[in-house]
Amino acid sequence: MQDFLRIDTVEDLKPFVNDKGFMEVILRDKKKKYRKFQKVVFNLASQEEQKELLQNAINLMNKNNDIVEKTLDAVENISKLQKLSIVLGCANLCATCVGFAIINA
């Protein structure tokens, strides 16, 4: 009879992880012949580490949102400047027309 190893949690597999941080598993085909080695990596981060990573990701997203808001403000300012440029261009055109009217009168 073969010996079986009962695994209830991921922590039960920790003794089989090598010094590089992964475990090698042999995959077999339907005829029970060796097919290939599969390297398995476990994410064994604690809940505190996961919370910290999630908080860091949220902080980065907030920074990106701040950058987007500043960019939108800059675009709005550019739009206002373009409108001012159009108004000044129209005023220049009107002044030119008035100048030609005075010259031709």
N, C-alpha and C. Protein backbone atom coordinates (compact mmCIF):
# COMPACT_ATOMS: atom_id res chain seq x y z
N MET A 1 0.84 -1.18 0.00
CA MET A 1 0.00 0.00 0.00
C MET A 1 0.88 1.24 0.00
N GLN A 2 0.47 2.24 -0.73
CA GLN A 2 1.25 3.47 -0.83
C GLN A 2 0.95 4.37 0.36
N ASP A 3 1.98 5.14 0.73
CA ASP A 3 1.80 6.12 1.80
C ASP A 3 1.25 7.40 1.19
N PHE A 4 0.23 7.95 1.82
CA PHE A 4 -0.36 9.18 1.35
C PHE A 4 -0.12 10.27 2.37
N LEU A 5 0.06 11.45 1.88
CA LEU A 5 0.26 12.62 2.72
C LEU A 5 -1.00 13.46 2.65
N ARG A 6 -1.61 13.70 3.80
CA ARG A 6 -2.84 14.49 3.83
C ARG A 6 -2.48 15.97 3.98
N ILE A 7 -3.00 16.76 3.06
CA ILE A 7 -2.76 18.20 3.06
C ILE A 7 -4.10 18.89 3.32
N ASP A 8 -4.17 19.62 4.42
CA ASP A 8 -5.39 20.35 4.75
C ASP A 8 -5.29 21.84 4.44
N THR A 9 -4.10 22.37 4.56
CA THR A 9 -3.91 23.80 4.32
C THR A 9 -2.64 24.00 3.49
N VAL A 10 -2.49 25.20 2.99
CA VAL A 10 -1.30 25.53 2.21
C VAL A 10 -0.06 25.45 3.09
N GLU A 11 -0.21 25.75 4.35
CA GLU A 11 0.93 25.70 5.27
C GLU A 11 1.50 24.29 5.39
N ASP A 12 0.67 23.28 5.15
CA ASP A 12 1.15 21.90 5.18
C ASP A 12 2.13 21.61 4.03
N LEU A 13 2.09 22.44 3.00
CA LEU A 13 2.99 22.25 1.86
C LEU A 13 4.31 22.99 2.02
N LYS A 14 4.42 23.85 3.01
CA LYS A 14 5.65 24.64 3.19
C LYS A 14 6.92 23.80 3.27
N PRO A 15 6.91 22.64 3.92
CA PRO A 15 8.15 21.84 3.97
C PRO A 15 8.64 21.39 2.60
N PHE A 16 7.78 21.40 1.60
CA PHE A 16 8.16 20.92 0.27
C PHE A 16 8.63 22.05 -0.64
N VAL A 17 8.57 23.28 -0.17
CA VAL A 17 9.03 24.42 -0.96
C VAL A 17 10.55 24.48 -0.87
N ASN A 18 11.21 24.64 -2.02
CA ASN A 18 12.67 24.65 -2.02
C ASN A 18 13.20 26.04 -1.62
N ASP A 19 14.51 26.18 -1.63
CA ASP A 19 15.14 27.43 -1.18
C ASP A 19 14.88 28.59 -2.14
N LYS A 20 14.43 28.30 -3.36
CA LYS A 20 14.13 29.36 -4.32
C LYS A 20 12.69 29.86 -4.19
N GLY A 21 11.90 29.22 -3.34
CA GLY A 21 10.55 29.69 -3.08
C GLY A 21 9.46 29.01 -3.90
N PHE A 22 9.78 27.92 -4.58
CA PHE A 22 8.74 27.22 -5.31
C PHE A 22 8.85 25.72 -5.09
N MET A 23 7.80 25.02 -5.47
CA MET A 23 7.73 23.58 -5.31
C MET A 23 7.56 22.98 -6.70
N GLU A 24 8.22 21.85 -6.95
CA GLU A 24 8.10 21.18 -8.24
C GLU A 24 7.15 19.99 -8.10
N VAL A 25 6.21 19.92 -9.04
CA VAL A 25 5.23 18.84 -9.05
C VAL A 25 5.36 18.11 -10.37
N ILE A 26 5.28 16.79 -10.32
CA ILE A 26 5.35 16.00 -11.55
C ILE A 26 3.94 15.81 -12.08
N LEU A 27 3.74 16.16 -13.34
CA LEU A 27 2.45 15.93 -14.00
C LEU A 27 2.57 14.67 -14.82
N ARG A 28 1.56 13.84 -14.74
CA ARG A 28 1.55 12.57 -15.47
C ARG A 28 0.38 12.55 -16.44
N ASP A 29 0.53 11.79 -17.53
CA ASP A 29 -0.57 11.66 -18.48
C ASP A 29 -1.51 10.54 -18.03
N LYS A 30 -2.47 10.19 -18.88
CA LYS A 30 -3.47 9.19 -18.52
C LYS A 30 -2.87 7.80 -18.31
N LYS A 31 -1.72 7.53 -18.92
CA LYS A 31 -1.07 6.23 -18.79
C LYS A 31 -0.10 6.19 -17.63
N LYS A 32 -0.17 7.23 -16.78
CA LYS A 32 0.67 7.35 -15.58
C LYS A 32 2.14 7.53 -15.92
N LYS A 33 2.42 7.98 -17.13
CA LYS A 33 3.80 8.23 -17.52
C LYS A 33 4.11 9.70 -17.26
N TYR A 34 5.38 9.94 -16.99
CA TYR A 34 5.85 11.30 -16.73
C TYR A 34 5.59 12.18 -17.94
N ARG A 35 4.96 13.35 -17.69
CA ARG A 35 4.72 14.29 -18.78
C ARG A 35 5.65 15.50 -18.65
N LYS A 36 5.65 16.16 -17.48
CA LYS A 36 6.54 17.30 -17.28
C LYS A 36 6.57 17.69 -15.81
N PHE A 37 7.57 18.52 -15.48
CA PHE A 37 7.64 19.13 -14.16
C PHE A 37 6.89 20.45 -14.20
N GLN A 38 6.10 20.70 -13.17
CA GLN A 38 5.40 21.98 -13.06
C GLN A 38 5.90 22.67 -11.79
N LYS A 39 6.35 23.91 -11.94
CA LYS A 39 6.78 24.68 -10.78
C LYS A 39 5.58 25.40 -10.20
N VAL A 40 5.42 25.31 -8.88
CA VAL A 40 4.29 25.90 -8.18
C VAL A 40 4.83 26.92 -7.19
N VAL A 41 4.24 28.12 -7.22
CA VAL A 41 4.63 29.18 -6.30
C VAL A 41 3.43 29.51 -5.44
N PHE A 42 3.66 29.67 -4.15
CA PHE A 42 2.58 29.99 -3.22
C PHE A 42 2.66 31.44 -2.80
N ASN A 43 1.52 32.06 -2.69
CA ASN A 43 1.44 33.41 -2.14
C ASN A 43 1.15 33.24 -0.65
N LEU A 44 2.19 33.25 0.14
CA LEU A 44 2.04 32.98 1.57
C LEU A 44 2.08 34.25 2.40
N ALA A 45 1.65 35.37 1.81
CA ALA A 45 1.66 36.63 2.55
C ALA A 45 0.60 36.61 3.63
N SER A 46 0.92 37.19 4.76
CA SER A 46 -0.04 37.23 5.86
C SER A 46 -1.13 38.24 5.55
N GLN A 47 -2.17 38.22 6.35
CA GLN A 47 -3.27 39.16 6.13
C GLN A 47 -2.80 40.59 6.33
N GLU A 48 -1.90 40.80 7.27
CA GLU A 48 -1.38 42.16 7.50
C GLU A 48 -0.61 42.64 6.28
N GLU A 49 0.21 41.76 5.70
CA GLU A 49 0.96 42.13 4.49
C GLU A 49 0.00 42.40 3.34
N GLN A 50 -1.04 41.59 3.22
CA GLN A 50 -2.02 41.80 2.16
C GLN A 50 -2.76 43.12 2.36
N LYS A 51 -3.11 43.44 3.60
CA LYS A 51 -3.76 44.72 3.88
C LYS A 51 -2.85 45.88 3.53
N GLU A 52 -1.57 45.73 3.87
CA GLU A 52 -0.60 46.79 3.57
C GLU A 52 -0.44 46.96 2.06
N LEU A 53 -0.35 45.86 1.33
CA LEU A 53 -0.23 45.93 -0.13
C LEU A 53 -1.48 46.57 -0.74
N LEU A 54 -2.64 46.20 -0.23
CA LEU A 54 -3.88 46.78 -0.74
C LEU A 54 -3.95 48.27 -0.43
N GLN A 55 -3.52 48.65 0.77
CA GLN A 55 -3.53 50.07 1.14
C GLN A 55 -2.57 50.85 0.25
N ASN A 56 -1.40 50.28 -0.04
CA ASN A 56 -0.45 50.93 -0.94
C ASN A 56 -1.05 51.10 -2.34
N ALA A 57 -1.76 50.09 -2.81
CA ALA A 57 -2.38 50.18 -4.14
C ALA A 57 -3.45 51.27 -4.14
N ILE A 58 -4.23 51.35 -3.07
CA ILE A 58 -5.26 52.39 -2.98
C ILE A 58 -4.62 53.77 -2.93
N ASN A 59 -3.53 53.91 -2.19
CA ASN A 59 -2.83 55.20 -2.13
C ASN A 59 -2.31 55.61 -3.50
N LEU A 60 -1.76 54.65 -4.25
CA LEU A 60 -1.28 54.95 -5.59
C LEU A 60 -2.42 55.38 -6.50
N MET A 61 -3.57 54.72 -6.36
CA MET A 61 -4.72 55.10 -7.16
C MET A 61 -5.18 56.51 -6.80
N ASN A 62 -5.14 56.85 -5.50
CA ASN A 62 -5.52 58.20 -5.08
C ASN A 62 -4.56 59.23 -5.65
N LYS A 63 -3.27 58.92 -5.67
CA LYS A 63 -2.29 59.83 -6.26
C LYS A 63 -2.58 60.02 -7.74
N ASN A 64 -2.91 58.92 -8.42
CA ASN A 64 -3.24 59.01 -9.84
C ASN A 64 -4.49 59.85 -10.05
N ASN A 65 -5.48 59.72 -9.15
CA ASN A 65 -6.68 60.53 -9.25
C ASN A 65 -6.35 62.01 -9.07
N ASP A 66 -5.44 62.31 -8.15
CA ASP A 66 -5.02 63.70 -7.96
C ASP A 66 -4.36 64.24 -9.23
N ILE A 67 -3.53 63.43 -9.85
CA ILE A 67 -2.87 63.84 -11.09
C ILE A 67 -3.91 64.08 -12.18
N VAL A 68 -4.89 63.22 -12.27
CA VAL A 68 -5.95 63.38 -13.28
C VAL A 68 -6.74 64.66 -13.02
N GLU A 69 -7.06 64.93 -11.76
CA GLU A 69 -7.80 66.15 -11.44
C GLU A 69 -6.98 67.39 -11.78
N LYS A 70 -5.69 67.38 -11.50
CA LYS A 70 -4.83 68.52 -11.84
C LYS A 70 -4.76 68.69 -13.36
N THR A 71 -4.69 67.58 -14.08
CA THR A 71 -4.66 67.64 -15.54
C THR A 71 -5.95 68.22 -16.09
N LEU A 72 -7.08 67.80 -15.52
CA LEU A 72 -8.36 68.34 -15.97
C LEU A 72 -8.45 69.84 -15.69
N ASP A 73 -7.94 70.28 -14.54
CA ASP A 73 -7.91 71.71 -14.23
C ASP A 73 -7.05 72.45 -15.25
N ALA A 74 -5.91 71.88 -15.60
CA ALA A 74 -5.02 72.52 -16.59
C ALA A 74 -5.71 72.60 -17.95
N VAL A 75 -6.41 71.54 -18.34
CA VAL A 75 -7.13 71.54 -19.62
C VAL A 75 -8.22 72.61 -19.60
N GLU A 76 -8.91 72.74 -18.48
CA GLU A 76 -9.94 73.78 -18.35
C GLU A 76 -9.33 75.17 -18.50
N ASN A 77 -8.17 75.38 -17.88
CA ASN A 77 -7.50 76.68 -18.00
C ASN A 77 -7.07 76.95 -19.44
N ILE A 78 -6.58 75.93 -20.12
CA ILE A 78 -6.19 76.08 -21.52
C ILE A 78 -7.41 76.42 -22.37
N SER A 79 -8.54 75.79 -22.07
CA SER A 79 -9.77 76.08 -22.80
C SER A 79 -10.19 77.53 -22.61
N LYS A 80 -10.07 78.03 -21.37
CA LYS A 80 -10.39 79.44 -21.11
C LYS A 80 -9.45 80.37 -21.88
N LEU A 81 -8.17 80.01 -21.91
CA LEU A 81 -7.21 80.84 -22.65
C LEU A 81 -7.50 80.82 -24.14
N GLN A 82 -7.92 79.70 -24.67
CA GLN A 82 -8.27 79.62 -26.08
C GLN A 82 -9.48 80.49 -26.39
N LYS A 83 -10.47 80.49 -25.48
CA LYS A 83 -11.64 81.34 -25.68
C LYS A 83 -11.23 82.81 -25.64
N LEU A 84 -10.35 83.17 -24.72
CA LEU A 84 -9.84 84.55 -24.64
C LEU A 84 -9.10 84.92 -25.92
N SER A 85 -8.33 83.99 -26.45
CA SER A 85 -7.59 84.21 -27.69
C SER A 85 -8.56 84.46 -28.84
N ILE A 86 -9.65 83.72 -28.89
CA ILE A 86 -10.65 83.92 -29.94
C ILE A 86 -11.28 85.30 -29.82
N VAL A 87 -11.62 85.70 -28.58
CA VAL A 87 -12.22 87.03 -28.36
C VAL A 87 -11.24 88.13 -28.77
N LEU A 88 -9.98 87.99 -28.40
CA LEU A 88 -8.99 89.00 -28.78
C LEU A 88 -8.78 89.03 -30.29
N GLY A 89 -8.83 87.86 -30.93
CA GLY A 89 -8.71 87.80 -32.39
C GLY A 89 -9.88 88.51 -33.05
N CYS A 90 -11.08 88.31 -32.51
CA CYS A 90 -12.26 89.01 -33.05
C CYS A 90 -12.13 90.52 -32.85
N ALA A 91 -11.65 90.93 -31.67
CA ALA A 91 -11.46 92.37 -31.40
C ALA A 91 -10.43 92.94 -32.36
N ASN A 92 -9.37 92.21 -32.64
CA ASN A 92 -8.35 92.66 -33.58
C ASN A 92 -8.95 92.81 -34.98
N LEU A 93 -9.78 91.84 -35.38
CA LEU A 93 -10.42 91.91 -36.69
C LEU A 93 -11.35 93.12 -36.78
N CYS A 94 -12.11 93.36 -35.69
CA CYS A 94 -13.00 94.54 -35.66
C CYS A 94 -12.19 95.83 -35.75
N ALA A 95 -11.09 95.90 -35.02
CA ALA A 95 -10.24 97.10 -35.06
C ALA A 95 -9.67 97.31 -36.45
N THR A 96 -9.30 96.23 -37.11
CA THR A 96 -8.78 96.32 -38.47
C THR A 96 -9.86 96.85 -39.42
N CYS A 97 -11.07 96.32 -39.26
CA CYS A 97 -12.20 96.78 -40.11
C CYS A 97 -12.47 98.26 -39.87
N VAL A 98 -12.45 98.70 -38.62
CA VAL A 98 -12.67 100.11 -38.29
C VAL A 98 -11.55 100.95 -38.89
N GLY A 99 -10.34 100.49 -38.83
CA GLY A 99 -9.20 101.21 -39.42
C GLY A 99 -9.38 101.37 -40.91
N PHE A 100 -9.76 100.31 -41.63
CA PHE A 100 -10.00 100.41 -43.08
C PHE A 100 -11.18 101.33 -43.38
N ALA A 101 -12.21 101.30 -42.53
CA ALA A 101 -13.36 102.19 -42.74
C ALA A 101 -12.96 103.64 -42.60
N ILE A 102 -12.08 103.92 -41.62
CA ILE A 102 -11.61 105.29 -41.43
C ILE A 102 -10.75 105.73 -42.61
N ILE A 103 -9.88 104.83 -43.09
CA ILE A 103 -9.00 105.16 -44.20
C ILE A 103 -9.81 105.41 -45.48
N ASN A 104 -10.81 104.61 -45.70
CA ASN A 104 -11.61 104.72 -46.92
C ASN A 104 -12.66 105.83 -46.83
N ALA A 105 -12.91 106.43 -45.69
CA ALA A 105 -13.95 107.45 -45.55
C ALA A 105 -13.49 108.81 -45.98
